[in-house]
């Protein structure tokens, strides 16, 4: 499994709610982004959000990164502060 983690600052709660509605409504990721799963965490006190995207392969992750990087900034839940991407090496549910 490959993971891309995007951190946002200056989040807009309306944008977060819209993103949540699209995901829960089943519209899925943008065309061309083969995302396998997604998790989102919001810290309203700090005005930040973290979005975790899951992929089957490094190639899928890189393809999706191109799609997400080309998105208009107004389509994101805030200001993109950082992006980390890599292979998941440990997963444990406790």
PDB file of N, CA and C in Angstrom:
ATOM      1  N   UNK A   1       0.854  -1.166   0.000  1.00  0.00           N
ATOM      2  CA  UNK A   1       0.000   0.000   0.000  1.00  0.00           C
ATOM      3  C   UNK A   1       0.904   1.234   0.000  1.00  0.00           C
ATOM      4  N   UNK A   2       0.508   2.239  -0.762  1.00  0.00           N
ATOM      5  CA  UNK A   2       1.222   3.517  -0.811  1.00  0.00           C
ATOM      6  C   UNK A   2       0.306   4.610  -0.287  1.00  0.00           C
ATOM      7  N   UNK A   3       0.916   5.595   0.368  1.00  0.00           N
ATOM      8  CA  UNK A   3       0.160   6.614   1.077  1.00  0.00           C
ATOM      9  C   UNK A   3       0.682   8.001   0.703  1.00  0.00           C
ATOM     10  N   UNK A   4      -0.244   8.903   0.437  1.00  0.00           N
ATOM     11  CA  UNK A   4       0.073  10.317   0.194  1.00  0.00           C
ATOM     12  C   UNK A   4      -0.657  11.101   1.270  1.00  0.00           C
ATOM     13  N   UNK A   5       0.088  11.897   2.021  1.00  0.00           N
ATOM     14  CA  UNK A   5      -0.480  12.656   3.138  1.00  0.00           C
ATOM     15  C   UNK A   5      -0.332  14.146   2.836  1.00  0.00           C
ATOM     16  N   UNK A   6      -1.468  14.832   2.822  1.00  0.00           N
ATOM     17  CA  UNK A   6      -1.475  16.255   2.486  1.00  0.00           C
ATOM     18  C   UNK A   6      -1.984  17.026   3.701  1.00  0.00           C
ATOM     19  N   UNK A   7      -1.209  18.018   4.113  1.00  0.00           N
ATOM     20  CA  UNK A   7      -1.581  18.854   5.262  1.00  0.00           C
ATOM     21  C   UNK A   7      -2.016  20.215   4.749  1.00  0.00           C
ATOM     22  N   UNK A   8      -3.140  20.676   5.274  1.00  0.00           N
ATOM     23  CA  UNK A   8      -3.687  21.977   4.896  1.00  0.00           C
ATOM     24  C   UNK A   8      -3.745  22.894   6.107  1.00  0.00           C
ATOM     25  N   UNK A   9      -3.485  24.166   5.883  1.00  0.00           N
ATOM     26  CA  UNK A   9      -3.662  25.196   6.902  1.00  0.00           C
ATOM     27  C   UNK A   9      -4.766  26.134   6.414  1.00  0.00           C
ATOM     28  N   UNK A  10      -5.199  27.023   7.294  1.00  0.00           N
ATOM     29  CA  UNK A  10      -6.241  27.999   6.930  1.00  0.00           C
ATOM     30  C   UNK A  10      -7.455  27.315   6.316  1.00  0.00           C
ATOM     31  N   UNK A  11      -7.901  26.241   6.959  1.00  0.00           N
ATOM     32  CA  UNK A  11      -9.001  25.480   6.377  1.00  0.00           C
ATOM     33  C   UNK A  11     -10.296  26.280   6.401  1.00  0.00           C
ATOM     34  N   UNK A  12     -11.124  25.973   5.447  1.00  0.00           N
ATOM     35  CA  UNK A  12     -12.439  26.577   5.310  1.00  0.00           C
ATOM     36  C   UNK A  12     -13.445  25.474   5.626  1.00  0.00           C
ATOM     37  N   UNK A  13     -14.204  25.641   6.698  1.00  0.00           N
ATOM     38  CA  UNK A  13     -15.126  24.591   7.136  1.00  0.00           C
ATOM     39  C   UNK A  13     -16.141  24.243   6.050  1.00  0.00           C
ATOM     40  N   UNK A  14     -16.583  25.236   5.278  1.00  0.00           N
ATOM     41  CA  UNK A  14     -17.528  24.952   4.197  1.00  0.00           C
ATOM     42  C   UNK A  14     -16.897  24.037   3.151  1.00  0.00           C
ATOM     43  N   UNK A  15     -15.617  24.283   2.829  1.00  0.00           N
ATOM     44  CA  UNK A  15     -14.911  23.426   1.869  1.00  0.00           C
ATOM     45  C   UNK A  15     -14.741  22.010   2.422  1.00  0.00           C
ATOM     46  N   UNK A  16     -14.458  21.910   3.728  1.00  0.00           N
ATOM     47  CA  UNK A  16     -14.322  20.592   4.361  1.00  0.00           C
ATOM     48  C   UNK A  16     -15.654  19.844   4.273  1.00  0.00           C
ATOM     49  N   UNK A  17     -16.735  20.519   4.606  1.00  0.00           N
ATOM     50  CA  UNK A  17     -18.051  19.887   4.551  1.00  0.00           C
ATOM     51  C   UNK A  17     -18.416  19.476   3.131  1.00  0.00           C
ATOM     52  N   UNK A  18     -18.052  20.306   2.149  1.00  0.00           N
ATOM     53  CA  UNK A  18     -18.323  19.973   0.744  1.00  0.00           C
ATOM     54  C   UNK A  18     -17.536  18.742   0.329  1.00  0.00           C
ATOM     55  N   UNK A  19     -16.237  18.685   0.711  1.00  0.00           N
ATOM     56  CA  UNK A  19     -15.401  17.533   0.395  1.00  0.00           C
ATOM     57  C   UNK A  19     -15.983  16.262   1.028  1.00  0.00           C
ATOM     58  N   UNK A  20     -16.382  16.379   2.284  1.00  0.00           N
ATOM     59  CA  UNK A  20     -16.975  15.244   2.996  1.00  0.00           C
ATOM     60  C   UNK A  20     -18.238  14.762   2.285  1.00  0.00           C
ATOM     61  N   UNK A  21     -19.080  15.687   1.874  1.00  0.00           N
ATOM     62  CA  UNK A  21     -20.309  15.329   1.170  1.00  0.00           C
ATOM     63  C   UNK A  21     -20.047  14.621  -0.147  1.00  0.00           C
ATOM     64  N   UNK A  22     -19.052  15.091  -0.897  1.00  0.00           N
ATOM     65  CA  UNK A  22     -18.707  14.440  -2.173  1.00  0.00           C
ATOM     66  C   UNK A  22     -18.227  13.006  -1.930  1.00  0.00           C
ATOM     67  N   UNK A  23     -17.366  12.854  -0.921  1.00  0.00           N
ATOM     68  CA  UNK A  23     -16.804  11.527  -0.639  1.00  0.00           C
ATOM     69  C   UNK A  23     -17.902  10.585  -0.152  1.00  0.00           C
ATOM     70  N   UNK A  24     -18.688  11.031   0.812  1.00  0.00           N
ATOM     71  CA  UNK A  24     -19.753  10.184   1.356  1.00  0.00           C
ATOM     72  C   UNK A  24     -20.867   9.950   0.339  1.00  0.00           C
ATOM     73  N   UNK A  25     -21.026  10.872  -0.606  1.00  0.00           N
ATOM     74  CA  UNK A  25     -22.035  10.733  -1.646  1.00  0.00           C
ATOM     75  C   UNK A  25     -21.627   9.788  -2.754  1.00  0.00           C
ATOM     76  N   UNK A  26     -20.392   9.327  -2.695  1.00  0.00           N
ATOM     77  CA  UNK A  26     -19.941   8.340  -3.665  1.00  0.00           C
ATOM     78  C   UNK A  26     -19.397   8.905  -4.964  1.00  0.00           C
ATOM     79  N   UNK A  27     -19.176  10.222  -5.038  1.00  0.00           N
ATOM     80  CA  UNK A  27     -18.661  10.781  -6.290  1.00  0.00           C
ATOM     81  C   UNK A  27     -17.206  10.407  -6.517  1.00  0.00           C
ATOM     82  N   UNK A  28     -16.510  10.036  -5.464  1.00  0.00           N
ATOM     83  CA  UNK A  28     -15.142   9.559  -5.596  1.00  0.00           C
ATOM     84  C   UNK A  28     -14.150  10.649  -5.909  1.00  0.00           C
ATOM     85  N   UNK A  29     -12.909  10.232  -6.145  1.00  0.00           N
ATOM     86  CA  UNK A  29     -11.842  11.192  -6.432  1.00  0.00           C
ATOM     87  C   UNK A  29     -11.985  11.769  -7.841  1.00  0.00           C
ATOM     88  N   UNK A  30     -11.209  12.802  -8.136  1.00  0.00           N
ATOM     89  CA  UNK A  30     -11.255  13.376  -9.484  1.00  0.00           C
ATOM     90  C   UNK A  30     -10.869  12.333 -10.538  1.00  0.00           C
ATOM     91  N   UNK A  31     -11.354  12.532 -11.745  1.00  0.00           N
ATOM     92  CA  UNK A  31     -11.030  11.658 -12.873  1.00  0.00           C
ATOM     93  C   UNK A  31      -9.518  11.529 -13.016  1.00  0.00           C
ATOM     94  N   UNK A  32      -9.042  10.300 -13.148  1.00  0.00           N
ATOM     95  CA  UNK A  32      -7.620  10.052 -13.351  1.00  0.00           C
ATOM     96  C   UNK A  32      -6.824   9.860 -12.075  1.00  0.00           C
ATOM     97  N   UNK A  33      -7.484   9.930 -10.919  1.00  0.00           N
ATOM     98  CA  UNK A  33      -6.787   9.740  -9.636  1.00  0.00           C
ATOM     99  C   UNK A  33      -7.253   8.408  -9.035  1.00  0.00           C
ATOM    100  N   UNK A  34      -6.474   7.329  -9.228  1.00  0.00           N
ATOM    101  CA  UNK A  34      -6.890   5.996  -8.777  1.00  0.00           C
ATOM    102  C   UNK A  34      -6.706   5.778  -7.267  1.00  0.00           C
ATOM    103  N   UNK A  35      -7.426   6.551  -6.481  1.00  0.00           N
ATOM    104  CA  UNK A  35      -7.338   6.476  -5.022  1.00  0.00           C
ATOM    105  C   UNK A  35      -8.079   5.231  -4.546  1.00  0.00           C
ATOM    106  N   UNK A  36      -7.455   4.455  -3.675  1.00  0.00           N
ATOM    107  CA  UNK A  36      -8.059   3.244  -3.123  1.00  0.00           C
ATOM    108  C   UNK A  36      -8.872   3.540  -1.861  1.00  0.00           C
ATOM    109  N   UNK A  37      -8.445   4.546  -1.099  1.00  0.00           N
ATOM    110  CA  UNK A  37      -9.136   4.923   0.123  1.00  0.00           C
ATOM    111  C   UNK A  37      -8.695   6.306   0.545  1.00  0.00           C
ATOM    112  N   UNK A  38      -9.468   6.907   1.430  1.00  0.00           N
ATOM    113  CA  UNK A  38      -9.137   8.255   1.905  1.00  0.00           C
ATOM    114  C   UNK A  38      -9.561   8.395   3.360  1.00  0.00           C
ATOM    115  N   UNK A  39      -8.753   9.153   4.111  1.00  0.00           N
ATOM    116  CA  UNK A  39      -9.061   9.505   5.497  1.00  0.00           C
ATOM    117  C   UNK A  39      -8.808  11.007   5.623  1.00  0.00           C
ATOM    118  N   UNK A  40      -9.617  11.684   6.412  1.00  0.00           N
ATOM    119  CA  UNK A  40      -9.411  13.119   6.626  1.00  0.00           C
ATOM    120  C   UNK A  40      -9.605  13.433   8.100  1.00  0.00           C
ATOM    121  N   UNK A  41      -8.702  14.216   8.645  1.00  0.00           N
ATOM    122  CA  UNK A  41      -8.773  14.652  10.029  1.00  0.00           C
ATOM    123  C   UNK A  41      -8.728  16.175  10.049  1.00  0.00           C
ATOM    124  N   UNK A  42      -9.555  16.785  10.895  1.00  0.00           N
ATOM    125  CA  UNK A  42      -9.632  18.241  10.990  1.00  0.00           C
ATOM    126  C   UNK A  42      -9.369  18.662  12.427  1.00  0.00           C
ATOM    127  N   UNK A  43      -8.520  19.663  12.591  1.00  0.00           N
ATOM    128  CA  UNK A  43      -8.302  20.286  13.894  1.00  0.00           C
ATOM    129  C   UNK A  43      -8.784  21.727  13.767  1.00  0.00           C
ATOM    130  N   UNK A  44     -10.037  21.942  14.106  1.00  0.00           N
ATOM    131  CA  UNK A  44     -10.619  23.276  13.929  1.00  0.00           C
ATOM    132  C   UNK A  44      -9.961  24.313  14.830  1.00  0.00           C
ATOM    133  N   UNK A  45      -9.475  23.897  16.002  1.00  0.00           N
ATOM    134  CA  UNK A  45      -8.809  24.846  16.899  1.00  0.00           C
ATOM    135  C   UNK A  45      -7.562  25.440  16.250  1.00  0.00           C
ATOM    136  N   UNK A  46      -6.842  24.613  15.478  1.00  0.00           N
ATOM    137  CA  UNK A  46      -5.635  25.098  14.799  1.00  0.00           C
ATOM    138  C   UNK A  46      -5.914  25.569  13.376  1.00  0.00           C
ATOM    139  N   UNK A  47      -7.098  25.238  12.861  1.00  0.00           N
ATOM    140  CA  UNK A  47      -7.422  25.596  11.483  1.00  0.00           C
ATOM    141  C   UNK A  47      -6.660  24.763  10.481  1.00  0.00           C
ATOM    142  N   UNK A  48      -6.426  23.478  10.823  1.00  0.00           N
ATOM    143  CA  UNK A  48      -5.661  22.597   9.948  1.00  0.00           C
ATOM    144  C   UNK A  48      -6.444  21.328   9.625  1.00  0.00           C
ATOM    145  N   UNK A  49      -6.027  20.671   8.563  1.00  0.00           N
ATOM    146  CA  UNK A  49      -6.597  19.391   8.172  1.00  0.00           C
ATOM    147  C   UNK A  49      -5.491  18.535   7.575  1.00  0.00           C
ATOM    148  N   UNK A  50      -5.635  17.233   7.731  1.00  0.00           N
ATOM    149  CA  UNK A  50      -4.721  16.273   7.130  1.00  0.00           C
ATOM    150  C   UNK A  50      -5.564  15.292   6.334  1.00  0.00           C
ATOM    151  N   UNK A  51      -5.202  15.089   5.087  1.00  0.00           N
ATOM    152  CA  UNK A  51      -5.895  14.141   4.222  1.00  0.00           C
ATOM    153  C   UNK A  51      -4.918  13.035   3.868  1.00  0.00           C
ATOM    154  N   UNK A  52      -5.326  11.794   4.131  1.00  0.00           N
ATOM    155  CA  UNK A  52      -4.506  10.620   3.857  1.00  0.00           C
ATOM    156  C   UNK A  52      -5.147   9.872   2.695  1.00  0.00           C
ATOM    157  N   UNK A  53      -4.392   9.712   1.616  1.00  0.00           N
ATOM    158  CA  UNK A  53      -4.882   9.013   0.430  1.00  0.00           C
ATOM    159  C   UNK A  53      -4.135   7.685   0.314  1.00  0.00           C
ATOM    160  N   UNK A  54      -4.860   6.613   0.009  1.00  0.00           N
ATOM    161  CA  UNK A  54      -4.283   5.277  -0.071  1.00  0.00           C
ATOM    162  C   UNK A  54      -4.286   4.784  -1.521  1.00  0.00           C
ATOM    163  N   UNK A  55      -3.204   4.102  -1.912  1.00  0.00           N
ATOM    164  CA  UNK A  55      -3.035   3.624  -3.285  1.00  0.00           C
ATOM    165  C   UNK A  55      -2.497   2.200  -3.306  1.00  0.00           C
ATOM    166  N   UNK A  56      -2.832   1.476  -4.376  1.00  0.00           N
ATOM    167  CA  UNK A  56      -2.336   0.113  -4.549  1.00  0.00           C
ATOM    168  C   UNK A  56      -0.873   0.072  -4.963  1.00  0.00           C
ATOM    169  N   UNK A  57      -0.423   1.094  -5.673  1.00  0.00           N
ATOM    170  CA  UNK A  57       0.953   1.075  -6.193  1.00  0.00           C
ATOM    171  C   UNK A  57       1.559   2.474  -6.201  1.00  0.00           C
ATOM    172  N   UNK A  58       2.865   2.501  -6.320  1.00  0.00           N
ATOM    173  CA  UNK A  58       3.571   3.781  -6.410  1.00  0.00           C
ATOM    174  C   UNK A  58       3.159   4.522  -7.681  1.00  0.00           C
ATOM    175  N   UNK A  59       2.975   3.781  -8.768  1.00  0.00           N
ATOM    176  CA  UNK A  59       2.566   4.399 -10.040  1.00  0.00           C
ATOM    177  C   UNK A  59       1.193   5.056  -9.907  1.00  0.00           C
ATOM    178  N   UNK A  60       0.254   4.390  -9.223  1.00  0.00           N
ATOM    179  CA  UNK A  60      -1.069   4.982  -8.997  1.00  0.00           C
ATOM    180  C   UNK A  60      -0.953   6.263  -8.176  1.00  0.00           C
ATOM    181  N   UNK A  61      -0.110   6.226  -7.147  1.00  0.00           N
ATOM    182  CA  UNK A  61       0.080   7.389  -6.281  1.00  0.00           C
ATOM    183  C   UNK A  61       0.661   8.565  -7.084  1.00  0.00           C
ATOM    184  N   UNK A  62       1.637   8.279  -7.926  1.00  0.00           N
ATOM    185  CA  UNK A  62       2.262   9.331  -8.728  1.00  0.00           C
ATOM    186  C   UNK A  62       1.285   9.902  -9.752  1.00  0.00           C
ATOM    187  N   UNK A  63       0.468   9.030 -10.351  1.00  0.00           N
ATOM    188  CA  UNK A  63      -0.547   9.491 -11.305  1.00  0.00           C
ATOM    189  C   UNK A  63      -1.544  10.408 -10.612  1.00  0.00           C
ATOM    190  N   UNK A  64      -2.008  10.008  -9.437  1.00  0.00           N
ATOM    191  CA  UNK A  64      -2.963  10.828  -8.692  1.00  0.00           C
ATOM    192  C   UNK A  64      -2.339  12.150  -8.264  1.00  0.00           C
ATOM    193  N   UNK A  65      -1.068  12.127  -7.890  1.00  0.00           N
ATOM    194  CA  UNK A  65      -0.391  13.359  -7.474  1.00  0.00           C
ATOM    195  C   UNK A  65      -0.432  14.393  -8.598  1.00  0.00           C
ATOM    196  N   UNK A  66      -0.258  13.942  -9.831  1.00  0.00           N
ATOM    197  CA  UNK A  66      -0.318  14.872 -10.962  1.00  0.00           C
ATOM    198  C   UNK A  66      -1.704  15.500 -11.077  1.00  0.00           C
ATOM    199  N   UNK A  67      -2.737  14.682 -10.868  1.00  0.00           N
ATOM    200  CA  UNK A  67      -4.111  15.189 -10.938  1.00  0.00           C
ATOM    201  C   UNK A  67      -4.360  16.198  -9.813  1.00  0.00           C
ATOM    202  N   UNK A  68      -3.982  15.823  -8.583  1.00  0.00           N
ATOM    203  CA  UNK A  68      -4.221  16.713  -7.445  1.00  0.00           C
ATOM    204  C   UNK A  68      -3.379  17.988  -7.530  1.00  0.00           C
ATOM    205  N   UNK A  69      -2.152  17.873  -8.016  1.00  0.00           N
ATOM    206  CA  UNK A  69      -1.290  19.053  -8.138  1.00  0.00           C
ATOM    207  C   UNK A  69      -1.832  20.044  -9.169  1.00  0.00           C
ATOM    208  N   UNK A  70      -2.590  19.543 -10.142  1.00  0.00           N
ATOM    209  CA  UNK A  70      -3.143  20.408 -11.183  1.00  0.00           C
ATOM    210  C   UNK A  70      -4.463  21.059 -10.773  1.00  0.00           C
ATOM    211  N   UNK A  71      -5.007  20.650  -9.624  1.00  0.00           N
ATOM    212  CA  UNK A  71      -6.286  21.210  -9.171  1.00  0.00           C
ATOM    213  C   UNK A  71      -6.157  22.694  -8.849  1.00  0.00           C
ATOM    214  N   UNK A  72      -7.227  23.413  -9.091  1.00  0.00           N
ATOM    215  CA  UNK A  72      -7.295  24.817  -8.715  1.00  0.00           C
ATOM    216  C   UNK A  72      -7.295  24.909  -7.191  1.00  0.00           C
ATOM    217  N   UNK A  73      -6.584  25.858  -6.651  1.00  0.00           N
ATOM    218  CA  UNK A  73      -6.487  26.013  -5.193  1.00  0.00           C
ATOM    219  C   UNK A  73      -7.852  26.217  -4.538  1.00  0.00           C
ATOM    220  N   UNK A  74      -8.814  26.744  -5.288  1.00  0.00           N
ATOM    221  CA  UNK A  74     -10.146  26.959  -4.710  1.00  0.00           C
ATOM    222  C   UNK A  74     -10.905  25.646  -4.519  1.00  0.00           C
ATOM    223  N   UNK A  75     -10.411  24.555  -5.094  1.00  0.00           N
ATOM    224  CA  UNK A  75     -11.039  23.247  -4.931  1.00  0.00           C
ATOM    225  C   UNK A  75     -10.483  22.473  -3.742  1.00  0.00           C
ATOM    226  N   UNK A  76      -9.597  23.082  -2.985  1.00  0.00           N
ATOM    227  CA  UNK A  76      -8.998  22.412  -1.835  1.00  0.00           C
ATOM    228  C   UNK A  76      -9.572  23.005  -0.547  1.00  0.00           C
ATOM    229  N   UNK A  77      -9.470  22.255   0.562  1.00  0.00           N
ATOM    230  CA  UNK A  77     -10.081  22.727   1.810  1.00  0.00           C
ATOM    231  C   UNK A  77      -9.298  23.807   2.547  1.00  0.00           C
ATOM    232  N   UNK A  78      -8.202  24.261   1.985  1.00  0.00           N
ATOM    233  CA  UNK A  78      -7.378  25.282   2.617  1.00  0.00           C
ATOM    234  C   UNK A  78      -6.111  25.483   1.822  1.00  0.00           C
ATOM    235  N   UNK A  79      -5.081  25.993   2.471  1.00  0.00           N
ATOM    236  CA  UNK A  79      -3.788  26.189   1.834  1.00  0.00           C
ATOM    237  C   UNK A  79      -2.952  24.935   2.013  1.00  0.00           C
ATOM    238  N   UNK A  80      -2.482  24.349   0.908  1.00  0.00           N
ATOM    239  CA  UNK A  80      -1.663  23.146   1.004  1.00  0.00           C
ATOM    240  C   UNK A  80      -0.320  23.516   1.625  1.00  0.00           C
ATOM    241  N   UNK A  81      -0.043  22.961   2.799  1.00  0.00           N
ATOM    242  CA  UNK A  81       1.180  23.283   3.533  1.00  0.00           C
ATOM    243  C   UNK A  81       2.299  22.291   3.250  1.00  0.00           C
ATOM    244  N   UNK A  82       1.943  21.006   3.084  1.00  0.00           N
ATOM    245  CA  UNK A  82       2.966  20.001   2.822  1.00  0.00           C
ATOM    246  C   UNK A  82       2.336  18.756   2.229  1.00  0.00           C
ATOM    247  N   UNK A  83       3.177  17.980   1.545  1.00  0.00           N
ATOM    248  CA  UNK A  83       2.768  16.695   0.982  1.00  0.00           C
ATOM    249  C   UNK A  83       3.880  15.697   1.277  1.00  0.00           C
ATOM    250  N   UNK A  84       3.499  14.576   1.860  1.00  0.00           N
ATOM    251  CA  UNK A  84       4.422  13.468   2.075  1.00  0.00           C
ATOM    252  C   UNK A  84       3.855  12.265   1.346  1.00  0.00           C
ATOM    253  N   UNK A  85       4.727  11.452   0.781  1.00  0.00           N
ATOM    254  CA  UNK A  85       4.269  10.277   0.049  1.00  0.00           C
ATOM    255  C   UNK A  85       5.276   9.157   0.230  1.00  0.00           C
ATOM    256  N   UNK A  86       4.754   7.937   0.389  1.00  0.00           N
ATOM    257  CA  UNK A  86       5.658   6.808   0.539  1.00  0.00           C
ATOM    258  C   UNK A  86       4.908   5.508   0.712  1.00  0.00           C
ATOM    259  N   UNK A  87       5.678   4.468   0.946  1.00  0.00           N
ATOM    260  CA  UNK A  87       5.116   3.134   1.124  1.00  0.00           C
ATOM    261  C   UNK A  87       4.767   2.909   2.591  1.00  0.00           C
ATOM    262  N   UNK A  88       3.599   2.383   2.817  1.00  0.00           N
ATOM    263  CA  UNK A  88       3.186   2.020   4.170  1.00  0.00           C
ATOM    264  C   UNK A  88       3.969   0.767   4.556  1.00  0.00           C
ATOM    265  N   UNK A  89       4.712   0.837   5.671  1.00  0.00           N
ATOM    266  CA  UNK A  89       5.514  -0.314   6.064  1.00  0.00           C
ATOM    267  C   UNK A  89       4.987  -1.017   7.303  1.00  0.00           C
ATOM    268  N   UNK A  90       4.126  -0.344   8.062  1.00  0.00           N
ATOM    269  CA  UNK A  90       3.518  -0.951   9.230  1.00  0.00           C
ATOM    270  C   UNK A  90       2.067  -0.507   9.295  1.00  0.00           C
ATOM    271  N   UNK A  91       1.197  -1.469   9.579  1.00  0.00           N
ATOM    272  CA  UNK A  91      -0.219  -1.151   9.807  1.00  0.00           C
ATOM    273  C   UNK A  91      -0.719  -2.079  10.899  1.00  0.00           C
ATOM    274  N   UNK A  92      -1.219  -1.503  11.967  1.00  0.00           N
ATOM    275  CA  UNK A  92      -1.718  -2.292  13.077  1.00  0.00           C
ATOM    276  C   UNK A  92      -2.967  -1.645  13.642  1.00  0.00           C
ATOM    277  N   UNK A  93      -4.014  -2.408  13.748  1.00  0.00           N
ATOM    278  CA  UNK A  93      -5.237  -1.942  14.387  1.00  0.00           C
ATOM    279  C   UNK A  93      -5.249  -2.528  15.794  1.00  0.00           C
ATOM    280  N   UNK A  94      -5.491  -1.681  16.784  1.00  0.00           N
ATOM    281  CA  UNK A  94      -5.434  -2.166  18.161  1.00  0.00           C
ATOM    282  C   UNK A  94      -6.702  -1.833  18.896  1.00  0.00           C
TER     283      UNK A  94
END
